[in-house]
Every structure is written in structure tokens, then in C-alpha cells.
Amino acid sequence: MTVCNLSLNCLPLSVSEINKDLQIEEYSKSSFFEKLANQLQIFGAYPEVYSSNLKSESVKIALLQTILDAYVLKDIIDIYNLKNEKLAKDILTKIALQIGSEVSIRELANSLGANAITVSNYIEIFIKNYILIPLISFKTNVRKAVSENRKLYFYDLGIRNILVKDFRELEFRPDKGGVFENFIISEFEKKRRNNQIKQTMYFYREYGGQEVDLILESYKKEYDCIEIKVNKEVGNDIFPLPHTFKTINTKNYFDEIDR
């Protein structure tokens, strides 16, 4: 089963779709969505993996390896006639290891001993095929933002985790902040595409280093600013244009995404 919207975007399941399908009772929603967030951050939301909940973790990992090998790598390599499957996998692995950070194409290419144009072309193909989500830096005339680099996130964290070969519980992982950030951004992107929302997504960073994790810009130039925190810590509201501001954490994420 694949979930496709009217533009034929075939994406992993979203938390809103899971909620509608299961119709969770109100009294159990809080614990359900906390457990769901944990599950989706480890094994992702591809339907065939999510629907195998009663199966062992080793079965889920094997399914993710098959998806990575057969679709993410082999099919895309064949469709676009790419020359180097190892380079494609190495690019994704490098990106997987720096979620939440800006990605420099030149530095990535140098670290892999590859041509920067080739690396850029591979990344654009992964974006076009709903493997990677690009987030560009928001620019404003009021206060300059820095960097031409983008942040790159995964539509599905199961694919990200199979690339880095890490399926530990989140509490034991040093990358849990970046993983949760990826989870929230992927949910907003799926919501935007599934519902045909006229909206552009950015991050914002000042020269001093302070950041806003996610800026949602409507086509009427209305701005929602979102800080993403694993705990209940409140983020810094530094965006210089009129906007709304909220902090999303593991406790309130579903209510904020499903609005």
C-alpha cells in the first residue's frame, strides 16, 4: 500500500493518516502519540514496515534494507542511468550523519573524492524522488541571514537509520535531537504535500548563530515560526518579521501538526 495525493506524490504514512485510520480514543491519545513518535523515529513510516508492527525488529530492519537496496538505490540508479551506486549510497550516508546541520556540496564532494556537480545532481534526484527534503535559509531585508547551504532531511527515518545502522532506543542515542527535528519537519512536509497547502518551508539563522528550526511561509507572506525540542524547553523567538511562534516537543507534536 502506498499513500498518494492528487499530484501523485507517493510518500510514507503521516501521523495524521495513521490517526484517521485507527480512530484512537481521546483518553489514550497522549500515550499513543508518544509511542508512535518513538516508533516512527526508529523504523519510519513506509506502509510495509509500519504494518509489520507485530513482527520482530529484525524483520523490520530487513524490510528497510530491502527498500533501500531495491528502491532508493537500484530503481533510482536504473531510472536515471546513474553510474555509481556506491557514490549514491555514500552521499545519503554522509547526509544521514549530519541531519539538522547545513550541508555543503563542496565539502561533501571533497570528503567523498567526487565531483561537486555529480554530487549535486545525485542529491537533486533524491529530492525529486521523495527521499530527501531540502530546507533553504530564509532571507530578509530586515536582518541578513547566512549561508547558501541547505539542510537536508529524510522523508523516512527508517531509511536514515538503515544507512547509519543504528536502531537503538532514542534515549541512548546522541543524535536524538536531530532525529526528532527530522521527524517533525518530515511531518510538516507530508502535510503540506498531502493537503496541497500553499506554503514554503525554510530555516532561519542569524550571523550570531541563533536559529529558528522551521519557518512556514504562506503565499500571502504570513509566517509561522517553529522551534523543535525533544523536551519542554522553550525556543528563542528571533524571527524579525511579524509571525506566530511555537515550540514543538514530543508531548504536543501531534496537536500542532494536525491543526
C-alpha atoms as a PDB file:
ATOM      1  CA  MET A   1       0.000   0.000   0.000  1.00  0.00           C
ATOM      2  CA  THR A   2       1.285   3.460  -0.869  1.00  0.00           C
ATOM      3  CA  VAL A   3      -0.314   6.748   0.107  1.00  0.00           C
ATOM      4  CA  CYS A   4      -0.548   9.139  -2.860  1.00  0.00           C
ATOM      5  CA  ASN A   5      -2.072  12.599  -3.054  1.00  0.00           C
ATOM      6  CA  LEU A   6      -3.743  14.250  -6.064  1.00  0.00           C
ATOM      7  CA  SER A   7      -0.368  15.217  -7.545  1.00  0.00           C
ATOM      8  CA  LEU A   8       0.738  11.585  -7.336  1.00  0.00           C
ATOM      9  CA  ASN A   9       3.256  12.233  -4.568  1.00  0.00           C
ATOM     10  CA  CYS A  10       3.879   8.794  -3.065  1.00  0.00           C
ATOM     11  CA  LEU A  11       5.015   9.394   0.494  1.00  0.00           C
ATOM     12  CA  PRO A  12       5.460   7.442   3.724  1.00  0.00           C
ATOM     13  CA  LEU A  13       2.466   7.492   6.056  1.00  0.00           C
ATOM     14  CA  SER A  14       1.880  10.628   8.121  1.00  0.00           C
ATOM     15  CA  VAL A  15       0.794  10.705  11.770  1.00  0.00           C
ATOM     16  CA  SER A  16      -2.497  12.327  10.707  1.00  0.00           C
ATOM     17  CA  GLU A  17      -3.245   9.467   8.312  1.00  0.00           C
ATOM     18  CA  ILE A  18      -2.421   6.915  10.991  1.00  0.00           C
ATOM     19  CA  ASN A  19      -4.721   8.706  13.432  1.00  0.00           C
ATOM     20  CA  LYS A  20      -7.625   8.791  10.974  1.00  0.00           C
ATOM     21  CA  ASP A  21      -7.176   5.133  10.137  1.00  0.00           C
ATOM     22  CA  LEU A  22      -7.061   3.945  13.752  1.00  0.00           C
ATOM     23  CA  GLN A  23      -9.522   6.403  15.367  1.00  0.00           C
ATOM     24  CA  ILE A  24      -7.759   6.470  18.726  1.00  0.00           C
ATOM     25  CA  GLU A  25      -9.931   7.074  21.798  1.00  0.00           C
ATOM     26  CA  GLU A  26      -9.415  10.506  23.361  1.00  0.00           C
ATOM     27  CA  TYR A  27      -8.302   9.154  26.751  1.00  0.00           C
ATOM     28  CA  SER A  28      -5.445   7.151  25.221  1.00  0.00           C
ATOM     29  CA  LYS A  29      -4.227   9.679  22.621  1.00  0.00           C
ATOM     30  CA  SER A  30      -1.407  11.149  24.694  1.00  0.00           C
ATOM     31  CA  SER A  31       0.363   7.851  25.338  1.00  0.00           C
ATOM     32  CA  PHE A  32      -0.413   6.548  21.840  1.00  0.00           C
ATOM     33  CA  PHE A  33       1.177   9.500  20.044  1.00  0.00           C
ATOM     34  CA  GLU A  34       4.205   9.472  22.325  1.00  0.00           C
ATOM     35  CA  LYS A  35       4.787   5.798  21.483  1.00  0.00           C
ATOM     36  CA  LEU A  36       4.038   6.445  17.808  1.00  0.00           C
ATOM     37  CA  ALA A  37       6.641   9.216  17.624  1.00  0.00           C
ATOM     38  CA  ASN A  38       9.212   6.879  19.128  1.00  0.00           C
ATOM     39  CA  GLN A  39       8.343   4.098  16.678  1.00  0.00           C
ATOM     40  CA  LEU A  40       8.407   6.335  13.591  1.00  0.00           C
ATOM     41  CA  GLN A  41      11.724   7.893  14.579  1.00  0.00           C
ATOM     42  CA  ILE A  42      13.309   4.439  14.718  1.00  0.00           C
ATOM     43  CA  PHE A  43      11.632   2.420  11.964  1.00  0.00           C
ATOM     44  CA  GLY A  44       9.969   5.102   9.858  1.00  0.00           C
ATOM     45  CA  ALA A  45       6.560   5.118   8.214  1.00  0.00           C
ATOM     46  CA  TYR A  46       6.786   3.171   4.981  1.00  0.00           C
ATOM     47  CA  PRO A  47       3.471   1.249   4.972  1.00  0.00           C
ATOM     48  CA  GLU A  48       5.019  -2.208   4.664  1.00  0.00           C
ATOM     49  CA  VAL A  49       7.284  -1.511   7.654  1.00  0.00           C
ATOM     50  CA  TYR A  50       4.641   0.231   9.790  1.00  0.00           C
ATOM     51  CA  SER A  51       2.088  -2.523   9.126  1.00  0.00           C
ATOM     52  CA  SER A  52       4.563  -5.142  10.387  1.00  0.00           C
ATOM     53  CA  ASN A  53       4.210  -3.938  13.989  1.00  0.00           C
ATOM     54  CA  LEU A  54       3.673  -7.442  15.316  1.00  0.00           C
ATOM     55  CA  LYS A  55       6.839  -8.683  13.658  1.00  0.00           C
ATOM     56  CA  SER A  56      10.296  -8.641  15.205  1.00  0.00           C
ATOM     57  CA  GLU A  57      12.691  -5.721  14.948  1.00  0.00           C
ATOM     58  CA  SER A  58      14.963  -7.864  12.772  1.00  0.00           C
ATOM     59  CA  VAL A  59      12.122  -8.301  10.248  1.00  0.00           C
ATOM     60  CA  LYS A  60      11.545  -4.526  10.132  1.00  0.00           C
ATOM     61  CA  ILE A  61      15.253  -3.880   9.647  1.00  0.00           C
ATOM     62  CA  ALA A  62      15.344  -6.451   6.830  1.00  0.00           C
ATOM     63  CA  LEU A  63      12.368  -4.724   5.171  1.00  0.00           C
ATOM     64  CA  LEU A  64      14.113  -1.364   5.394  1.00  0.00           C
ATOM     65  CA  GLN A  65      17.289  -2.841   3.901  1.00  0.00           C
ATOM     66  CA  THR A  66      15.222  -4.193   1.008  1.00  0.00           C
ATOM     67  CA  ILE A  67      13.558  -0.799   0.443  1.00  0.00           C
ATOM     68  CA  LEU A  68      16.953   0.920   0.490  1.00  0.00           C
ATOM     69  CA  ASP A  69      18.571  -1.575  -1.862  1.00  0.00           C
ATOM     70  CA  ALA A  70      15.659  -2.167  -4.259  1.00  0.00           C
ATOM     71  CA  TYR A  71      14.002   1.261  -4.470  1.00  0.00           C
ATOM     72  CA  VAL A  72      16.154   4.027  -3.033  1.00  0.00           C
ATOM     73  CA  LEU A  73      19.289   2.749  -4.735  1.00  0.00           C
ATOM     74  CA  LYS A  74      18.656   0.197  -7.511  1.00  0.00           C
ATOM     75  CA  ASP A  75      15.435   1.620  -9.015  1.00  0.00           C
ATOM     76  CA  ILE A  76      16.611   5.226  -8.909  1.00  0.00           C
ATOM     77  CA  ILE A  77      20.034   4.267 -10.287  1.00  0.00           C
ATOM     78  CA  ASP A  78      18.350   2.401 -13.156  1.00  0.00           C
ATOM     79  CA  ILE A  79      15.682   5.044 -13.902  1.00  0.00           C
ATOM     80  CA  TYR A  80      18.190   7.897 -14.068  1.00  0.00           C
ATOM     81  CA  ASN A  81      21.006   5.831 -15.525  1.00  0.00           C
ATOM     82  CA  LEU A  82      23.354   6.850 -12.737  1.00  0.00           C
ATOM     83  CA  LYS A  83      26.840   5.452 -12.981  1.00  0.00           C
ATOM     84  CA  ASN A  84      27.859   4.867  -9.388  1.00  0.00           C
ATOM     85  CA  GLU A  85      25.602   3.104  -6.864  1.00  0.00           C
ATOM     86  CA  LYS A  86      28.288   3.228  -4.179  1.00  0.00           C
ATOM     87  CA  LEU A  87      28.582   7.007  -4.526  1.00  0.00           C
ATOM     88  CA  ALA A  88      24.801   7.369  -4.286  1.00  0.00           C
ATOM     89  CA  LYS A  89      24.756   5.370  -1.036  1.00  0.00           C
ATOM     90  CA  ASP A  90      27.781   7.199   0.353  1.00  0.00           C
ATOM     91  CA  ILE A  91      26.138  10.580  -0.329  1.00  0.00           C
ATOM     92  CA  LEU A  92      22.974   9.551   1.514  1.00  0.00           C
ATOM     93  CA  THR A  93      25.003   8.124   4.401  1.00  0.00           C
ATOM     94  CA  LYS A  94      27.017  11.337   4.798  1.00  0.00           C
ATOM     95  CA  ILE A  95      23.787  13.366   4.811  1.00  0.00           C
ATOM     96  CA  ALA A  96      22.228  10.941   7.298  1.00  0.00           C
ATOM     97  CA  LEU A  97      25.107  11.580   9.689  1.00  0.00           C
ATOM     98  CA  GLN A  98      24.539  15.342   9.722  1.00  0.00           C
ATOM     99  CA  ILE A  99      20.769  15.831   9.935  1.00  0.00           C
ATOM    100  CA  GLY A 100      19.953  19.187  11.477  1.00  0.00           C
ATOM    101  CA  SER A 101      23.172  20.713  10.114  1.00  0.00           C
ATOM    102  CA  GLU A 102      23.760  22.631   6.912  1.00  0.00           C
ATOM    103  CA  VAL A 103      25.169  20.565   4.059  1.00  0.00           C
ATOM    104  CA  SER A 104      27.932  21.979   1.888  1.00  0.00           C
ATOM    105  CA  ILE A 105      28.003  20.289  -1.524  1.00  0.00           C
ATOM    106  CA  ARG A 106      31.656  21.170  -1.956  1.00  0.00           C
ATOM    107  CA  GLU A 107      32.680  19.742   1.416  1.00  0.00           C
ATOM    108  CA  LEU A 108      30.558  16.652   0.841  1.00  0.00           C
ATOM    109  CA  ALA A 109      32.120  16.099  -2.578  1.00  0.00           C
ATOM    110  CA  ASN A 110      35.658  16.601  -1.208  1.00  0.00           C
ATOM    111  CA  SER A 111      35.070  14.104   1.592  1.00  0.00           C
ATOM    112  CA  LEU A 112      33.937  11.511  -0.971  1.00  0.00           C
ATOM    113  CA  GLY A 113      36.590  12.304  -3.565  1.00  0.00           C
ATOM    114  CA  ALA A 114      33.817  13.118  -6.048  1.00  0.00           C
ATOM    115  CA  ASN A 115      32.895  15.906  -8.430  1.00  0.00           C
ATOM    116  CA  ALA A 116      30.701  18.580  -6.797  1.00  0.00           C
ATOM    117  CA  ILE A 117      28.360  18.776  -9.809  1.00  0.00           C
ATOM    118  CA  THR A 118      27.869  14.995  -9.737  1.00  0.00           C
ATOM    119  CA  VAL A 119      27.106  15.059  -6.008  1.00  0.00           C
ATOM    120  CA  SER A 120      24.661  17.934  -6.517  1.00  0.00           C
ATOM    121  CA  ASN A 121      22.907  16.054  -9.333  1.00  0.00           C
ATOM    122  CA  TYR A 122      22.531  12.916  -7.198  1.00  0.00           C
ATOM    123  CA  ILE A 123      21.057  14.966  -4.342  1.00  0.00           C
ATOM    124  CA  GLU A 124      18.537  16.643  -6.663  1.00  0.00           C
ATOM    125  CA  ILE A 125      17.411  13.210  -7.875  1.00  0.00           C
ATOM    126  CA  PHE A 126      16.904  12.062  -4.265  1.00  0.00           C
ATOM    127  CA  ILE A 127      14.868  15.208  -3.605  1.00  0.00           C
ATOM    128  CA  LYS A 128      12.760  14.683  -6.715  1.00  0.00           C
ATOM    129  CA  ASN A 129      12.032  11.091  -5.675  1.00  0.00           C
ATOM    130  CA  TYR A 130      10.915  11.899  -2.118  1.00  0.00           C
ATOM    131  CA  ILE A 131      13.946  10.558  -0.323  1.00  0.00           C
ATOM    132  CA  LEU A 132      15.349  13.905   0.843  1.00  0.00           C
ATOM    133  CA  ILE A 133      13.626  17.119   1.956  1.00  0.00           C
ATOM    134  CA  PRO A 134      15.582  20.333   1.283  1.00  0.00           C
ATOM    135  CA  LEU A 135      15.296  23.271   3.668  1.00  0.00           C
ATOM    136  CA  ILE A 136      16.836  26.533   2.493  1.00  0.00           C
ATOM    137  CA  SER A 137      17.807  29.521   4.591  1.00  0.00           C
ATOM    138  CA  PHE A 138      15.214  32.303   4.782  1.00  0.00           C
ATOM    139  CA  LYS A 139      16.499  35.693   3.639  1.00  0.00           C
ATOM    140  CA  THR A 140      15.067  39.040   4.673  1.00  0.00           C
ATOM    141  CA  ASN A 141      15.967  42.666   4.006  1.00  0.00           C
ATOM    142  CA  VAL A 142      15.369  43.486   7.671  1.00  0.00           C
ATOM    143  CA  ARG A 143      18.175  41.329   9.014  1.00  0.00           C
ATOM    144  CA  LYS A 144      20.591  39.262   6.961  1.00  0.00           C
ATOM    145  CA  ALA A 145      20.593  35.507   7.283  1.00  0.00           C
ATOM    146  CA  VAL A 146      23.685  33.499   6.444  1.00  0.00           C
ATOM    147  CA  SER A 147      24.767  30.609   4.262  1.00  0.00           C
ATOM    148  CA  GLU A 148      23.873  29.388   0.818  1.00  0.00           C
ATOM    149  CA  ASN A 149      23.959  25.828   2.125  1.00  0.00           C
ATOM    150  CA  ARG A 150      20.777  23.846   2.672  1.00  0.00           C
ATOM    151  CA  LYS A 151      19.712  21.491   5.388  1.00  0.00           C
ATOM    152  CA  LEU A 152      18.660  18.074   4.118  1.00  0.00           C
ATOM    153  CA  TYR A 153      16.248  15.790   5.942  1.00  0.00           C
ATOM    154  CA  PHE A 154      14.785  12.367   5.168  1.00  0.00           C
ATOM    155  CA  TYR A 155      11.124  11.744   4.368  1.00  0.00           C
ATOM    156  CA  ASP A 156      11.506   8.472   6.254  1.00  0.00           C
ATOM    157  CA  LEU A 157      13.708   7.974   9.288  1.00  0.00           C
ATOM    158  CA  GLY A 158      13.763   4.209   8.831  1.00  0.00           C
ATOM    159  CA  ILE A 159      15.798   4.781   5.666  1.00  0.00           C
ATOM    160  CA  ARG A 160      18.018   7.219   7.505  1.00  0.00           C
ATOM    161  CA  ASN A 161      18.627   4.728  10.315  1.00  0.00           C
ATOM    162  CA  ILE A 162      19.374   1.808   7.989  1.00  0.00           C
ATOM    163  CA  LEU A 163      22.011   4.000   6.329  1.00  0.00           C
ATOM    164  CA  VAL A 164      23.753   4.729   9.646  1.00  0.00           C
ATOM    165  CA  LYS A 165      22.971   1.232  11.002  1.00  0.00           C
ATOM    166  CA  ASP A 166      21.535   2.485  14.275  1.00  0.00           C
ATOM    167  CA  PHE A 167      18.220   1.220  15.661  1.00  0.00           C
ATOM    168  CA  ARG A 168      18.817   1.863  19.343  1.00  0.00           C
ATOM    169  CA  GLU A 169      16.084   3.350  21.522  1.00  0.00           C
ATOM    170  CA  LEU A 170      16.190   7.136  21.264  1.00  0.00           C
ATOM    171  CA  GLU A 171      17.162   7.700  24.901  1.00  0.00           C
ATOM    172  CA  PHE A 172      20.513   6.012  24.206  1.00  0.00           C
ATOM    173  CA  ARG A 173      21.311   7.983  21.064  1.00  0.00           C
ATOM    174  CA  PRO A 174      23.442  11.137  20.854  1.00  0.00           C
ATOM    175  CA  ASP A 175      21.599  12.131  17.656  1.00  0.00           C
ATOM    176  CA  LYS A 176      18.105  12.109  19.203  1.00  0.00           C
ATOM    177  CA  GLY A 177      17.714  15.885  18.854  1.00  0.00           C
ATOM    178  CA  GLY A 178      18.435  15.796  15.129  1.00  0.00           C
ATOM    179  CA  VAL A 179      16.246  12.713  14.667  1.00  0.00           C
ATOM    180  CA  PHE A 180      13.264  14.414  16.344  1.00  0.00           C
ATOM    181  CA  GLU A 181      13.854  17.562  14.295  1.00  0.00           C
ATOM    182  CA  ASN A 182      13.831  15.443  11.119  1.00  0.00           C
ATOM    183  CA  PHE A 183      10.633  13.714  12.272  1.00  0.00           C
ATOM    184  CA  ILE A 184       8.751  16.990  12.765  1.00  0.00           C
ATOM    185  CA  ILE A 185       9.968  18.562   9.530  1.00  0.00           C
ATOM    186  CA  SER A 186       9.040  15.444   7.547  1.00  0.00           C
ATOM    187  CA  GLU A 187       5.541  15.505   9.073  1.00  0.00           C
ATOM    188  CA  PHE A 188       5.014  19.139   8.073  1.00  0.00           C
ATOM    189  CA  GLU A 189       6.287  18.383   4.576  1.00  0.00           C
ATOM    190  CA  LYS A 190       3.933  15.397   4.211  1.00  0.00           C
ATOM    191  CA  LYS A 191       1.058  17.537   5.483  1.00  0.00           C
ATOM    192  CA  ARG A 192       1.926  20.290   3.002  1.00  0.00           C
ATOM    193  CA  ARG A 193       2.013  17.895   0.062  1.00  0.00           C
ATOM    194  CA  ASN A 194      -0.890  15.668   1.046  1.00  0.00           C
ATOM    195  CA  ASN A 195      -3.191  18.651   1.552  1.00  0.00           C
ATOM    196  CA  GLN A 196      -1.888  20.839  -1.279  1.00  0.00           C
ATOM    197  CA  ILE A 197      -1.071  23.631   1.187  1.00  0.00           C
ATOM    198  CA  LYS A 198       0.309  26.756  -0.478  1.00  0.00           C
ATOM    199  CA  GLN A 199       3.320  27.113   1.742  1.00  0.00           C
ATOM    200  CA  THR A 200       7.117  27.236   1.574  1.00  0.00           C
ATOM    201  CA  MET A 201       9.400  25.828   4.262  1.00  0.00           C
ATOM    202  CA  TYR A 202      12.661  27.417   5.439  1.00  0.00           C
ATOM    203  CA  PHE A 203      15.015  27.587   8.393  1.00  0.00           C
ATOM    204  CA  TYR A 204      16.342  30.909   9.691  1.00  0.00           C
ATOM    205  CA  ARG A 205      19.798  31.620  11.056  1.00  0.00           C
ATOM    206  CA  GLU A 206      21.371  34.870  12.194  1.00  0.00           C
ATOM    207  CA  TYR A 207      25.053  35.756  11.965  1.00  0.00           C
ATOM    208  CA  GLY A 208      25.303  35.314  15.724  1.00  0.00           C
ATOM    209  CA  GLY A 209      24.410  31.650  15.266  1.00  0.00           C
ATOM    210  CA  GLN A 210      20.884  31.670  16.688  1.00  0.00           C
ATOM    211  CA  GLU A 211      18.384  29.697  14.624  1.00  0.00           C
ATOM    212  CA  VAL A 212      14.705  29.027  14.137  1.00  0.00           C
ATOM    213  CA  ASP A 213      14.322  25.389  13.087  1.00  0.00           C
ATOM    214  CA  LEU A 214      11.338  25.800  10.772  1.00  0.00           C
ATOM    215  CA  ILE A 215       9.649  28.768   9.084  1.00  0.00           C
ATOM    216  CA  LEU A 216       6.345  28.173   7.301  1.00  0.00           C
ATOM    217  CA  GLU A 217       5.675  30.955   4.779  1.00  0.00           C
ATOM    218  CA  SER A 218       2.205  31.154   3.228  1.00  0.00           C
ATOM    219  CA  TYR A 219       1.673  32.548  -0.254  1.00  0.00           C
ATOM    220  CA  LYS A 220       0.246  35.644   1.488  1.00  0.00           C
ATOM    221  CA  LYS A 221       3.587  36.096   3.265  1.00  0.00           C
ATOM    222  CA  GLU A 222       2.255  35.054   6.647  1.00  0.00           C
ATOM    223  CA  TYR A 223       4.855  33.349   8.832  1.00  0.00           C
ATOM    224  CA  ASP A 224       4.669  30.557  11.407  1.00  0.00           C
ATOM    225  CA  CYS A 225       7.929  30.012  13.280  1.00  0.00           C
ATOM    226  CA  ILE A 226       8.567  26.671  14.951  1.00  0.00           C
ATOM    227  CA  GLU A 227      11.280  25.622  17.359  1.00  0.00           C
ATOM    228  CA  ILE A 228      11.679  21.843  17.698  1.00  0.00           C
ATOM    229  CA  LYS A 229      12.785  20.492  21.081  1.00  0.00           C
ATOM    230  CA  VAL A 230      12.905  16.925  22.404  1.00  0.00           C
ATOM    231  CA  ASN A 231      11.982  18.168  25.877  1.00  0.00           C
ATOM    232  CA  LYS A 232       9.702  21.020  27.027  1.00  0.00           C
ATOM    233  CA  GLU A 233      12.410  23.668  26.711  1.00  0.00           C
ATOM    234  CA  VAL A 234      11.128  26.867  25.058  1.00  0.00           C
ATOM    235  CA  GLY A 235      12.996  28.064  21.977  1.00  0.00           C
ATOM    236  CA  ASN A 236      14.235  31.567  21.188  1.00  0.00           C
ATOM    237  CA  ASP A 237      11.885  33.793  19.209  1.00  0.00           C
ATOM    238  CA  ILE A 238      14.305  35.719  16.980  1.00  0.00           C
ATOM    239  CA  PHE A 239      12.493  35.941  13.625  1.00  0.00           C
ATOM    240  CA  PRO A 240      12.421  39.631  12.584  1.00  0.00           C
ATOM    241  CA  LEU A 241       9.129  39.768  10.622  1.00  0.00           C
ATOM    242  CA  PRO A 242       5.563  39.619  12.038  1.00  0.00           C
ATOM    243  CA  HIS A 243       4.820  35.968  12.817  1.00  0.00           C
ATOM    244  CA  THR A 244       3.397  33.388  15.164  1.00  0.00           C
ATOM    245  CA  PHE A 245       5.815  31.371  17.276  1.00  0.00           C
ATOM    246  CA  LYS A 246       5.530  27.968  18.911  1.00  0.00           C
ATOM    247  CA  THR A 247       7.751  25.267  20.347  1.00  0.00           C
ATOM    248  CA  ILE A 248       7.008  21.654  19.405  1.00  0.00           C
ATOM    249  CA  ASN A 249       8.141  18.770  21.603  1.00  0.00           C
ATOM    250  CA  THR A 250       7.399  15.068  21.998  1.00  0.00           C
ATOM    251  CA  LYS A 251       4.324  15.808  24.141  1.00  0.00           C
ATOM    252  CA  ASN A 252       2.475  18.307  21.915  1.00  0.00           C
ATOM    253  CA  TYR A 253       3.681  17.449  18.407  1.00  0.00           C
ATOM    254  CA  PHE A 254       0.512  15.767  17.160  1.00  0.00           C
ATOM    255  CA  ASP A 255      -1.832  18.584  18.193  1.00  0.00           C
ATOM    256  CA  GLU A 256       0.413  21.116  16.446  1.00  0.00           C
ATOM    257  CA  ILE A 257       0.838  19.081  13.264  1.00  0.00           C
ATOM    258  CA  ASP A 258      -2.812  18.060  12.990  1.00  0.00           C
ATOM    259  CA  ARG A 259      -4.251  21.598  13.217  1.00  0.00           C
END
